[in-house]
Amino acid sequence: MSASTTIEVVGIKKTINSLRKIDPQLQKDFKADATAIAQPAIQAGKAVYKDLPLSGMRYAWTQNARKIFPFVPSKAANGVKMRFDTRRNAVGVILIEQKDVAAAVFETAGRANANKLGNALGFVGAGRTRLIGPAVYKARRGIEAEMTKMIAKTMRTVQSEL
């Protein structure tokens, strides 16, 4: 289970996939530059995990032999990762995801169905997250502007090579 937030620049999926056909190194460079540009959002996502949300989350809890808790803030911060998703039906291209199971449960508990954990943590709407989504959203404008500049630069590079 992972909680994620997406940032999308329109037309980028096709561009990233086309770069691989033109020059695989160009695609690698593009992804490396995009990762560097996304660092403020990744850092913002990591910074929100400072405290234990509920005191009971410090105890071990398993469900169907799968370890869910304890919630450890440092592990939650380290669980914030970025990945590219250029599949045709993907919602976004750059995904900032929470890979730590306990943090992902915290982010989404009670979102689809009312439950004790979700009620204790407070309301979170469908498709939303408690901490990581708002933090990444605040960093979004600067990232989109930088991504647009990088895409234009990549397009110029591709056109000059053709």
C-alpha atoms as a PDB file:
ATOM      1  CA  MET A   1       0.000   0.000   0.000  1.00  0.00           C
ATOM      2  CA  SER A   2       1.310   3.450  -0.803  1.00  0.00           C
ATOM      3  CA  ALA A   3      -0.139   6.916  -0.617  1.00  0.00           C
ATOM      4  CA  SER A   4       0.788   9.194  -3.480  1.00  0.00           C
ATOM      5  CA  THR A   5       0.428  12.677  -4.848  1.00  0.00           C
ATOM      6  CA  THR A   6       0.852  13.528  -8.518  1.00  0.00           C
ATOM      7  CA  ILE A   7       2.118  16.528 -10.425  1.00  0.00           C
ATOM      8  CA  GLU A   8       1.478  16.520 -14.171  1.00  0.00           C
ATOM      9  CA  VAL A   9       2.697  18.714 -17.010  1.00  0.00           C
ATOM     10  CA  VAL A  10       0.471  18.016 -20.030  1.00  0.00           C
ATOM     11  CA  GLY A  11       2.126  16.094 -22.893  1.00  0.00           C
ATOM     12  CA  ILE A  12       5.098  14.968 -20.883  1.00  0.00           C
ATOM     13  CA  LYS A  13       4.295  11.228 -20.952  1.00  0.00           C
ATOM     14  CA  LYS A  14       4.622  11.031 -24.702  1.00  0.00           C
ATOM     15  CA  THR A  15       7.764  13.169 -24.621  1.00  0.00           C
ATOM     16  CA  ILE A  16       9.512  10.962 -22.042  1.00  0.00           C
ATOM     17  CA  ASN A  17       8.627   7.788 -23.947  1.00  0.00           C
ATOM     18  CA  SER A  18       9.782   9.344 -27.237  1.00  0.00           C
ATOM     19  CA  LEU A  19      13.140  10.313 -25.729  1.00  0.00           C
ATOM     20  CA  ARG A  20      13.959   6.638 -25.198  1.00  0.00           C
ATOM     21  CA  LYS A  21      13.404   5.995 -28.921  1.00  0.00           C
ATOM     22  CA  ILE A  22      15.609   8.921 -29.949  1.00  0.00           C
ATOM     23  CA  ASP A  23      18.432   8.479 -27.453  1.00  0.00           C
ATOM     24  CA  PRO A  24      18.265   6.431 -24.237  1.00  0.00           C
ATOM     25  CA  GLN A  25      20.880   8.680 -22.605  1.00  0.00           C
ATOM     26  CA  LEU A  26      18.690  11.712 -23.299  1.00  0.00           C
ATOM     27  CA  GLN A  27      15.845  10.026 -21.407  1.00  0.00           C
ATOM     28  CA  LYS A  28      18.150   9.203 -18.475  1.00  0.00           C
ATOM     29  CA  ASP A  29      19.354  12.824 -18.357  1.00  0.00           C
ATOM     30  CA  PHE A  30      15.773  14.065 -18.513  1.00  0.00           C
ATOM     31  CA  LYS A  31      14.748  11.860 -15.592  1.00  0.00           C
ATOM     32  CA  ALA A  32      17.786  12.901 -13.565  1.00  0.00           C
ATOM     33  CA  ASP A  33      16.994  16.590 -14.147  1.00  0.00           C
ATOM     34  CA  ALA A  34      13.326  16.040 -13.260  1.00  0.00           C
ATOM     35  CA  THR A  35      14.334  14.256 -10.069  1.00  0.00           C
ATOM     36  CA  ALA A  36      16.546  17.186  -9.105  1.00  0.00           C
ATOM     37  CA  ILE A  37      13.735  19.647  -9.838  1.00  0.00           C
ATOM     38  CA  ALA A  38      11.293  17.608  -7.716  1.00  0.00           C
ATOM     39  CA  GLN A  39      13.548  17.633  -4.654  1.00  0.00           C
ATOM     40  CA  PRO A  40      11.694  20.541  -2.949  1.00  0.00           C
ATOM     41  CA  ALA A  41       8.453  18.538  -3.087  1.00  0.00           C
ATOM     42  CA  ILE A  42      10.169  15.389  -1.851  1.00  0.00           C
ATOM     43  CA  GLN A  43      11.778  17.302   1.013  1.00  0.00           C
ATOM     44  CA  ALA A  44       8.431  18.952   1.852  1.00  0.00           C
ATOM     45  CA  GLY A  45       6.837  15.507   1.954  1.00  0.00           C
ATOM     46  CA  LYS A  46       9.562  14.194   4.255  1.00  0.00           C
ATOM     47  CA  ALA A  47       9.402  17.207   6.579  1.00  0.00           C
ATOM     48  CA  VAL A  48       5.788  16.625   7.633  1.00  0.00           C
ATOM     49  CA  TYR A  49       6.609  13.421   9.522  1.00  0.00           C
ATOM     50  CA  LYS A  50       7.933  14.824  12.791  1.00  0.00           C
ATOM     51  CA  ASP A  51       5.694  13.327  15.464  1.00  0.00           C
ATOM     52  CA  LEU A  52       3.721  10.226  16.268  1.00  0.00           C
ATOM     53  CA  PRO A  53       0.095  10.954  15.217  1.00  0.00           C
ATOM     54  CA  LEU A  54      -1.524   8.801  17.934  1.00  0.00           C
ATOM     55  CA  SER A  55       0.232   7.278  20.939  1.00  0.00           C
ATOM     56  CA  GLY A  56      -1.098   3.786  20.145  1.00  0.00           C
ATOM     57  CA  MET A  57       0.672   3.814  16.784  1.00  0.00           C
ATOM     58  CA  ARG A  58       3.991   3.135  18.517  1.00  0.00           C
ATOM     59  CA  TYR A  59       2.972  -0.464  19.224  1.00  0.00           C
ATOM     60  CA  ALA A  60       3.373  -3.400  16.861  1.00  0.00           C
ATOM     61  CA  TRP A  61       0.257  -4.336  14.938  1.00  0.00           C
ATOM     62  CA  THR A  62      -0.134  -6.977  12.270  1.00  0.00           C
ATOM     63  CA  GLN A  63      -3.075  -7.814  10.076  1.00  0.00           C
ATOM     64  CA  ASN A  64      -3.264 -11.092   8.149  1.00  0.00           C
ATOM     65  CA  ALA A  65       0.391 -11.769   9.048  1.00  0.00           C
ATOM     66  CA  ARG A  66       1.456  -8.419   7.529  1.00  0.00           C
ATOM     67  CA  LYS A  67       3.225  -5.932   9.777  1.00  0.00           C
ATOM     68  CA  ILE A  68       1.353  -2.594   9.676  1.00  0.00           C
ATOM     69  CA  PHE A  69       2.589  -0.677  12.734  1.00  0.00           C
ATOM     70  CA  PRO A  70       4.590   0.660  14.648  1.00  0.00           C
ATOM     71  CA  PHE A  71       4.643   4.117  13.102  1.00  0.00           C
ATOM     72  CA  VAL A  72       8.175   5.527  13.277  1.00  0.00           C
ATOM     73  CA  PRO A  73       8.503   9.160  12.080  1.00  0.00           C
ATOM     74  CA  SER A  74      12.020   8.649  10.703  1.00  0.00           C
ATOM     75  CA  LYS A  75      10.886   5.617   8.684  1.00  0.00           C
ATOM     76  CA  ALA A  76       7.877   7.573   7.456  1.00  0.00           C
ATOM     77  CA  ALA A  77      10.160  10.386   6.264  1.00  0.00           C
ATOM     78  CA  ASN A  78      12.468   7.908   4.530  1.00  0.00           C
ATOM     79  CA  GLY A  79       9.437   6.300   2.894  1.00  0.00           C
ATOM     80  CA  VAL A  80       8.748   9.385   0.767  1.00  0.00           C
ATOM     81  CA  LYS A  81       9.949   8.472  -2.736  1.00  0.00           C
ATOM     82  CA  MET A  82       9.526   9.759  -6.265  1.00  0.00           C
ATOM     83  CA  ARG A  83       8.917   7.695  -9.372  1.00  0.00           C
ATOM     84  CA  PHE A  84       7.969   8.245 -12.988  1.00  0.00           C
ATOM     85  CA  ASP A  85       4.816   6.712 -14.407  1.00  0.00           C
ATOM     86  CA  THR A  86       4.503   7.172 -18.167  1.00  0.00           C
ATOM     87  CA  ARG A  87       1.927   4.485 -18.824  1.00  0.00           C
ATOM     88  CA  ARG A  88      -0.931   5.566 -21.071  1.00  0.00           C
ATOM     89  CA  ASN A  89      -3.595   5.293 -18.364  1.00  0.00           C
ATOM     90  CA  ALA A  90      -1.484   6.804 -15.577  1.00  0.00           C
ATOM     91  CA  VAL A  91      -2.920   9.739 -13.658  1.00  0.00           C
ATOM     92  CA  GLY A  92       0.352  11.656 -13.386  1.00  0.00           C
ATOM     93  CA  VAL A  93       3.923  11.493 -14.550  1.00  0.00           C
ATOM     94  CA  ILE A  94       5.826  12.350 -11.399  1.00  0.00           C
ATOM     95  CA  LEU A  95       4.520  10.544  -8.356  1.00  0.00           C
ATOM     96  CA  ILE A  96       5.583  11.452  -4.854  1.00  0.00           C
ATOM     97  CA  GLU A  97       4.698   8.310  -2.904  1.00  0.00           C
ATOM     98  CA  GLN A  98       4.742   7.147   0.689  1.00  0.00           C
ATOM     99  CA  LYS A  99       6.246   3.648   0.683  1.00  0.00           C
ATOM    100  CA  ASP A 100       6.229   3.113   4.470  1.00  0.00           C
ATOM    101  CA  VAL A 101       3.182   0.959   5.278  1.00  0.00           C
ATOM    102  CA  ALA A 102       2.402   2.581   8.641  1.00  0.00           C
ATOM    103  CA  ALA A 103       2.610   6.097   7.184  1.00  0.00           C
ATOM    104  CA  ALA A 104       0.477   5.123   4.178  1.00  0.00           C
ATOM    105  CA  VAL A 105      -2.180   3.714   6.519  1.00  0.00           C
ATOM    106  CA  PHE A 106      -2.045   6.918   8.569  1.00  0.00           C
ATOM    107  CA  GLU A 107      -2.381   9.050   5.433  1.00  0.00           C
ATOM    108  CA  THR A 108      -5.436   7.217   4.093  1.00  0.00           C
ATOM    109  CA  ALA A 109      -7.261   5.661   7.083  1.00  0.00           C
ATOM    110  CA  GLY A 110     -10.979   6.330   6.926  1.00  0.00           C
ATOM    111  CA  ARG A 111     -10.864   7.716   3.405  1.00  0.00           C
ATOM    112  CA  ALA A 112     -13.129   5.112   1.816  1.00  0.00           C
ATOM    113  CA  ASN A 113     -14.982   3.751   4.837  1.00  0.00           C
ATOM    114  CA  ALA A 114     -15.494   5.160   8.308  1.00  0.00           C
ATOM    115  CA  ASN A 115     -13.381   3.298  10.877  1.00  0.00           C
ATOM    116  CA  LYS A 116     -11.995   3.873  14.371  1.00  0.00           C
ATOM    117  CA  LEU A 117      -8.513   4.863  13.200  1.00  0.00           C
ATOM    118  CA  GLY A 118      -9.815   7.261  10.579  1.00  0.00           C
ATOM    119  CA  ASN A 119     -12.236   8.835  13.051  1.00  0.00           C
ATOM    120  CA  ALA A 120      -9.450   9.315  15.620  1.00  0.00           C
ATOM    121  CA  LEU A 121      -7.183  10.989  13.049  1.00  0.00           C
ATOM    122  CA  GLY A 122      -9.849  13.242  11.557  1.00  0.00           C
ATOM    123  CA  PHE A 123     -11.638  13.409   8.236  1.00  0.00           C
ATOM    124  CA  VAL A 124      -9.763  12.944   4.976  1.00  0.00           C
ATOM    125  CA  GLY A 125     -11.687  13.108   1.712  1.00  0.00           C
ATOM    126  CA  ALA A 126     -11.685  10.602  -1.104  1.00  0.00           C
ATOM    127  CA  GLY A 127      -8.473  10.752  -3.125  1.00  0.00           C
ATOM    128  CA  ARG A 128      -6.784  12.943  -0.495  1.00  0.00           C
ATOM    129  CA  THR A 129      -4.061  12.402   2.086  1.00  0.00           C
ATOM    130  CA  ARG A 130      -3.557  13.948   5.516  1.00  0.00           C
ATOM    131  CA  LEU A 131      -0.030  15.381   5.385  1.00  0.00           C
ATOM    132  CA  ILE A 132       1.961  14.492   2.290  1.00  0.00           C
ATOM    133  CA  GLY A 133      -0.570  15.767  -0.271  1.00  0.00           C
ATOM    134  CA  PRO A 134      -0.903  19.299   1.127  1.00  0.00           C
ATOM    135  CA  ALA A 135       2.875  19.556   1.636  1.00  0.00           C
ATOM    136  CA  VAL A 136       3.654  18.522  -1.944  1.00  0.00           C
ATOM    137  CA  TYR A 137       0.881  20.731  -3.306  1.00  0.00           C
ATOM    138  CA  LYS A 138       2.498  23.814  -1.728  1.00  0.00           C
ATOM    139  CA  ALA A 139       5.754  23.074  -3.583  1.00  0.00           C
ATOM    140  CA  ARG A 140       3.918  22.381  -6.850  1.00  0.00           C
ATOM    141  CA  ARG A 141       4.063  25.778  -8.599  1.00  0.00           C
ATOM    142  CA  GLY A 142       7.831  26.094  -8.459  1.00  0.00           C
ATOM    143  CA  ILE A 143       8.253  22.549  -9.701  1.00  0.00           C
ATOM    144  CA  GLU A 144       5.867  23.007 -12.621  1.00  0.00           C
ATOM    145  CA  ALA A 145       7.646  26.188 -13.715  1.00  0.00           C
ATOM    146  CA  GLU A 146      11.064  24.514 -13.595  1.00  0.00           C
ATOM    147  CA  MET A 147       9.736  21.407 -15.359  1.00  0.00           C
ATOM    148  CA  THR A 148       8.296  23.542 -18.146  1.00  0.00           C
ATOM    149  CA  LYS A 149      11.710  25.189 -18.649  1.00  0.00           C
ATOM    150  CA  MET A 150      13.456  21.816 -18.675  1.00  0.00           C
ATOM    151  CA  ILE A 151      10.951  20.371 -21.165  1.00  0.00           C
ATOM    152  CA  ALA A 152      11.486  23.330 -23.494  1.00  0.00           C
ATOM    153  CA  LYS A 153      15.264  22.838 -23.225  1.00  0.00           C
ATOM    154  CA  THR A 154      14.912  19.113 -23.974  1.00  0.00           C
ATOM    155  CA  MET A 155      12.682  19.859 -26.972  1.00  0.00           C
ATOM    156  CA  ARG A 156      15.316  22.243 -28.342  1.00  0.00           C
ATOM    157  CA  THR A 157      18.007  19.583 -27.862  1.00  0.00           C
ATOM    158  CA  VAL A 158      15.935  16.965 -29.665  1.00  0.00           C
ATOM    159  CA  GLN A 159      15.133  19.308 -32.551  1.00  0.00           C
ATOM    160  CA  SER A 160      18.801  20.228 -32.982  1.00  0.00           C
ATOM    161  CA  GLU A 161      19.763  16.515 -33.112  1.00  0.00           C
ATOM    162  CA  LEU A 162      17.167  15.638 -35.739  1.00  0.00           C
END
